[in-house]
């Protein structure tokens, strides 16, 4: 477990939000997926105490919930950054320098794939394809797409988001 995740786990998790989500779906058949999606939307990830609460309230085993959480890539068991930086590693991006873009991200923010900065501002993810091959190399920061990247342009993008908030 990362240091960031460990520090969050050590904090007490307020289950009010999770209970409110469960209340909306508790009597619905097949409620597990929407409950987990709602819990993640509320907390930004699925905290361990919420897994046990969901299991108890929906009458399922925690192991079943963890099976769902680890099967679907949409769920995250550790806190994630406010800004998710997805670096496309597809063929076109690879050929045009995605590796150097990923290295720049690691050098500047000190995080690699599936890692989050300690301040919970950034999470890096290397993805198979963003679908903007004509703009290679490409990254996405949350819903914003940045293409034809160079190291200098990557630095500008990072600085832009560092200056926010």
Protein backbone atom coordinates (compact mmCIF):
# COMPACT_ATOMS: atom_id res chain seq x y z
CA UNK A 1 0.00 0.00 0.00
CA UNK A 2 1.38 3.46 -0.89
CA UNK A 3 2.22 5.98 1.84
CA UNK A 4 -0.66 8.16 0.65
CA UNK A 5 -3.13 5.29 0.89
CA UNK A 6 -1.78 4.24 4.28
CA UNK A 7 -2.24 7.74 5.71
CA UNK A 8 -5.83 7.87 4.42
CA UNK A 9 -6.60 4.39 5.80
CA UNK A 10 -5.34 5.48 9.21
CA UNK A 11 -7.85 8.35 9.18
CA UNK A 12 -11.41 7.68 10.22
CA UNK A 13 -13.73 7.43 7.24
CA UNK A 14 -17.12 9.13 7.65
CA UNK A 15 -19.61 6.56 6.40
CA UNK A 16 -22.50 9.03 6.08
CA UNK A 17 -21.96 9.39 2.33
CA UNK A 18 -21.77 5.64 1.78
CA UNK A 19 -24.93 5.08 3.82
CA UNK A 20 -26.76 7.72 1.75
CA UNK A 21 -25.73 5.96 -1.48
CA UNK A 22 -26.76 2.55 -0.15
CA UNK A 23 -30.11 3.95 1.03
CA UNK A 24 -30.96 4.85 -2.59
CA UNK A 25 -30.41 1.28 -3.82
CA UNK A 26 -30.81 -1.04 -0.82
CA UNK A 27 -34.12 -2.56 -1.98
CA UNK A 28 -33.11 -2.83 -5.64
CA UNK A 29 -32.07 -6.17 -7.15
CA UNK A 30 -28.55 -5.99 -8.60
CA UNK A 31 -27.67 -2.93 -6.54
CA UNK A 32 -23.98 -3.70 -6.04
CA UNK A 33 -22.60 -1.96 -9.15
CA UNK A 34 -24.56 1.30 -8.76
CA UNK A 35 -23.77 1.36 -5.03
CA UNK A 36 -20.03 0.94 -5.68
CA UNK A 37 -20.13 3.58 -8.42
CA UNK A 38 -21.93 5.97 -6.06
CA UNK A 39 -19.51 5.31 -3.22
CA UNK A 40 -16.55 5.94 -5.51
CA UNK A 41 -18.15 9.12 -6.84
CA UNK A 42 -18.60 10.37 -3.26
CA UNK A 43 -15.12 9.50 -1.91
CA UNK A 44 -13.08 9.49 -5.13
CA UNK A 45 -12.16 5.84 -4.48
CA UNK A 46 -13.56 2.90 -2.51
CA UNK A 47 -12.30 3.12 1.09
CA UNK A 48 -11.98 -0.24 2.86
CA UNK A 49 -14.53 0.56 5.60
CA UNK A 50 -17.15 1.23 2.91
CA UNK A 51 -16.63 -2.27 1.47
CA UNK A 52 -17.59 -3.79 4.80
CA UNK A 53 -20.56 -1.46 5.16
CA UNK A 54 -21.82 -2.30 1.66
CA UNK A 55 -21.34 -6.01 2.34
CA UNK A 56 -23.34 -5.83 5.54
CA UNK A 57 -26.15 -3.67 4.16
CA UNK A 58 -26.53 -5.54 0.84
CA UNK A 59 -26.02 -8.95 2.46
CA UNK A 60 -23.05 -10.00 0.31
CA UNK A 61 -19.59 -11.18 1.29
CA UNK A 62 -16.75 -8.63 1.25
CA UNK A 63 -14.83 -11.10 -0.94
CA UNK A 64 -17.56 -10.80 -3.59
CA UNK A 65 -17.25 -7.02 -3.50
CA UNK A 66 -13.46 -7.19 -3.81
CA UNK A 67 -13.95 -9.53 -6.77
CA UNK A 68 -15.99 -6.83 -8.51
CA UNK A 69 -13.63 -4.03 -7.49
CA UNK A 70 -10.56 -5.81 -8.81
CA UNK A 71 -12.22 -7.05 -12.02
CA UNK A 72 -13.46 -3.67 -13.27
CA UNK A 73 -10.83 -1.05 -14.09
CA UNK A 74 -13.28 1.74 -13.25
CA UNK A 75 -12.91 1.09 -9.52
CA UNK A 76 -10.00 2.29 -7.42
CA UNK A 77 -9.03 1.07 -3.97
CA UNK A 78 -6.59 3.88 -3.25
CA UNK A 79 -7.03 7.65 -3.29
CA UNK A 80 -6.44 9.27 -6.67
CA UNK A 81 -5.35 12.72 -7.66
CA UNK A 82 -7.63 15.58 -8.55
CA UNK A 83 -6.02 15.57 -12.01
CA UNK A 84 -5.71 12.20 -13.75
CA UNK A 85 -3.01 12.38 -16.41
CA UNK A 86 -3.45 9.62 -18.99
CA UNK A 87 -0.44 9.12 -21.24
CA UNK A 88 -1.27 7.33 -24.48
CA UNK A 89 1.19 4.50 -25.14
CA UNK A 90 -0.44 3.30 -28.38
CA UNK A 91 1.60 2.60 -31.49
CA UNK A 92 1.37 6.07 -33.06
CA UNK A 93 2.16 7.79 -29.75
CA UNK A 94 4.97 5.34 -29.01
CA UNK A 95 6.59 5.98 -32.38
CA UNK A 96 6.31 9.75 -31.87
CA UNK A 97 7.82 9.84 -28.36
CA UNK A 98 5.27 8.81 -25.74
CA UNK A 99 8.08 7.20 -23.74
CA UNK A 100 9.81 10.56 -23.38
CA UNK A 101 6.52 12.20 -22.40
CA UNK A 102 6.03 9.56 -19.69
CA UNK A 103 9.63 10.08 -18.50
CA UNK A 104 9.02 13.83 -18.30
CA UNK A 105 5.92 13.24 -16.20
CA UNK A 106 7.91 10.98 -13.87
CA UNK A 107 10.79 13.46 -13.62
CA UNK A 108 8.56 16.46 -12.90
CA UNK A 109 5.98 14.92 -10.58
CA UNK A 110 7.97 11.96 -9.19
CA UNK A 111 5.20 9.48 -10.06
CA UNK A 112 4.93 6.66 -12.56
CA UNK A 113 2.07 4.57 -13.87
CA UNK A 114 -0.80 4.16 -11.38
CA UNK A 115 0.90 6.40 -8.83
CA UNK A 116 -0.44 9.50 -7.10
CA UNK A 117 1.43 12.51 -5.75
CA UNK A 118 1.46 12.80 -1.97
CA UNK A 119 -0.67 15.95 -2.10
CA UNK A 120 -3.34 13.99 -4.05
CA UNK A 121 -3.16 16.50 -6.89
CA UNK A 122 -1.99 14.18 -9.72
CA UNK A 123 -2.35 10.53 -10.69
CA UNK A 124 -0.50 9.13 -13.72
CA UNK A 125 -1.92 6.37 -15.89
CA UNK A 126 -0.37 4.88 -19.00
CA UNK A 127 -3.18 3.78 -21.32
CA UNK A 128 -3.24 1.61 -24.44
CA UNK A 129 -4.90 4.19 -26.71
CA UNK A 130 -6.71 7.49 -26.33
CA UNK A 131 -8.00 7.38 -29.91
CA UNK A 132 -6.39 10.60 -31.14
CA UNK A 133 -3.59 9.06 -33.19
CA UNK A 134 -3.39 12.00 -35.58
CA UNK A 135 -2.31 14.19 -32.65
CA UNK A 136 0.39 11.80 -31.36
CA UNK A 137 1.88 11.86 -28.81
CA UNK A 138 -1.21 12.59 -26.73
CA UNK A 139 -2.17 12.90 -23.07
CA UNK A 140 -5.46 13.61 -21.37
CA UNK A 141 -5.79 15.50 -18.12
CA UNK A 142 -9.22 14.55 -16.84
CA UNK A 143 -11.35 15.38 -19.92
CA UNK A 144 -8.91 17.76 -21.67
CA UNK A 145 -6.78 16.39 -24.52
CA UNK A 146 -3.29 17.66 -25.35
CA UNK A 147 -1.63 16.51 -28.56
CA UNK A 148 1.54 16.89 -30.62
CA UNK A 149 3.39 16.98 -27.31
CA UNK A 150 7.04 17.76 -26.83
CA UNK A 151 8.89 17.85 -23.52
CA UNK A 152 8.45 21.63 -23.49
CA UNK A 153 4.69 21.40 -24.13
CA UNK A 154 4.42 18.71 -21.45
CA UNK A 155 6.16 21.04 -18.99
CA UNK A 156 3.62 23.76 -19.85
CA UNK A 157 0.69 21.41 -19.22
CA UNK A 158 2.11 20.29 -15.88
CA UNK A 159 2.77 23.89 -14.79
CA UNK A 160 -0.77 24.89 -15.79
CA UNK A 161 -2.32 22.28 -13.50
CA UNK A 162 0.18 22.85 -10.70
CA UNK A 163 -0.90 26.50 -10.65
CA UNK A 164 -4.58 25.59 -10.30
CA UNK A 165 -6.13 25.62 -6.83
